[in-house]
């Protein structure tokens, strides 16, 4: 075995990642919301004791709708007749 004095002095440097650091773990989903529905969401969230942000309120409302017991299933035609939402 030969002696190499430079072998231990060279360290592997990992470069820093470029760009903005990640702020969340969940993927982003975007969708369009009519003004009247946005106002209804804002009215609902203001009535909550913890005053959630709009995005948190939307997540809460979706979870409530998905976990509701005996929730009626609305067809796309009925939803369309109601203007897109109940």
Protein backbone atom coordinates (compact mmCIF):
# COMPACT_ATOMS: atom_id res chain seq x y z
CA UNK A 1 0.00 0.00 0.00
CA UNK A 2 1.40 3.38 -0.93
CA UNK A 3 1.18 6.48 1.20
CA UNK A 4 -0.78 9.35 -0.33
CA UNK A 5 -0.67 12.50 1.89
CA UNK A 6 -3.37 14.26 -0.17
CA UNK A 7 -5.99 11.50 0.11
CA UNK A 8 -7.36 12.55 3.51
CA UNK A 9 -7.32 16.29 2.87
CA UNK A 10 -9.79 16.18 -0.02
CA UNK A 11 -13.40 16.30 1.20
CA UNK A 12 -16.46 15.70 -0.88
CA UNK A 13 -18.54 18.90 -0.99
CA UNK A 14 -22.25 18.62 -1.76
CA UNK A 15 -23.54 21.73 -3.55
CA UNK A 16 -26.51 23.61 -2.13
CA UNK A 17 -29.87 23.17 -3.80
CA UNK A 18 -30.98 26.09 -5.90
CA UNK A 19 -34.28 27.89 -5.57
CA UNK A 20 -36.69 28.64 -2.80
CA UNK A 21 -36.88 26.16 0.07
CA UNK A 22 -39.95 23.95 0.25
CA UNK A 23 -42.70 25.41 2.45
CA UNK A 24 -45.03 22.43 2.62
CA UNK A 25 -45.15 18.70 2.14
CA UNK A 26 -48.44 18.41 0.26
CA UNK A 27 -48.72 19.03 -3.47
CA UNK A 28 -50.54 22.20 -4.53
CA UNK A 29 -53.97 21.89 -6.15
CA UNK A 30 -55.52 24.97 -7.69
CA UNK A 31 -59.08 25.53 -8.84
CA UNK A 32 -61.34 28.43 -9.73
CA UNK A 33 -63.95 29.59 -7.24
CA UNK A 34 -66.82 31.95 -8.11
CA UNK A 35 -66.96 35.14 -6.06
CA UNK A 36 -70.22 34.21 -4.31
CA UNK A 37 -68.80 30.85 -3.21
CA UNK A 38 -65.61 32.54 -2.00
CA UNK A 39 -67.72 34.96 0.03
CA UNK A 40 -69.70 32.06 1.52
CA UNK A 41 -66.44 30.32 2.49
CA UNK A 42 -65.13 33.54 4.05
CA UNK A 43 -68.39 33.99 5.99
CA UNK A 44 -68.17 30.41 7.28
CA UNK A 45 -64.54 30.71 8.33
CA UNK A 46 -65.13 34.01 10.15
CA UNK A 47 -67.83 32.26 12.21
CA UNK A 48 -65.33 29.59 13.34
CA UNK A 49 -63.76 30.07 16.79
CA UNK A 50 -60.18 29.62 15.51
CA UNK A 51 -60.64 31.85 12.40
CA UNK A 52 -58.82 29.56 9.93
CA UNK A 53 -57.15 30.86 6.78
CA UNK A 54 -59.14 30.45 3.58
CA UNK A 55 -57.08 27.46 2.40
CA UNK A 56 -57.46 25.74 5.78
CA UNK A 57 -61.21 26.47 5.75
CA UNK A 58 -61.56 24.93 2.28
CA UNK A 59 -59.70 21.81 3.46
CA UNK A 60 -61.95 21.61 6.54
CA UNK A 61 -65.13 21.97 4.48
CA UNK A 62 -63.99 19.30 2.00
CA UNK A 63 -63.14 16.91 4.84
CA UNK A 64 -66.53 17.58 6.45
CA UNK A 65 -68.31 16.85 3.18
CA UNK A 66 -66.34 13.66 2.55
CA UNK A 67 -66.86 12.28 6.05
CA UNK A 68 -70.52 13.29 6.44
CA UNK A 69 -72.84 10.44 7.38
CA UNK A 70 -75.93 10.06 5.19
CA UNK A 71 -74.75 12.81 2.85
CA UNK A 72 -76.92 12.98 -0.26
CA UNK A 73 -75.07 12.33 -3.48
CA UNK A 74 -75.70 15.09 -5.99
CA UNK A 75 -75.54 14.35 -9.67
CA UNK A 76 -73.60 16.64 -12.00
CA UNK A 77 -76.87 17.69 -13.67
CA UNK A 78 -78.43 18.77 -10.36
CA UNK A 79 -75.24 20.60 -9.39
CA UNK A 80 -75.21 22.35 -12.74
CA UNK A 81 -78.87 23.37 -12.28
CA UNK A 82 -77.95 24.85 -8.90
CA UNK A 83 -75.24 26.98 -10.46
CA UNK A 84 -72.34 24.63 -9.78
CA UNK A 85 -72.71 24.31 -6.03
CA UNK A 86 -75.41 23.75 -3.47
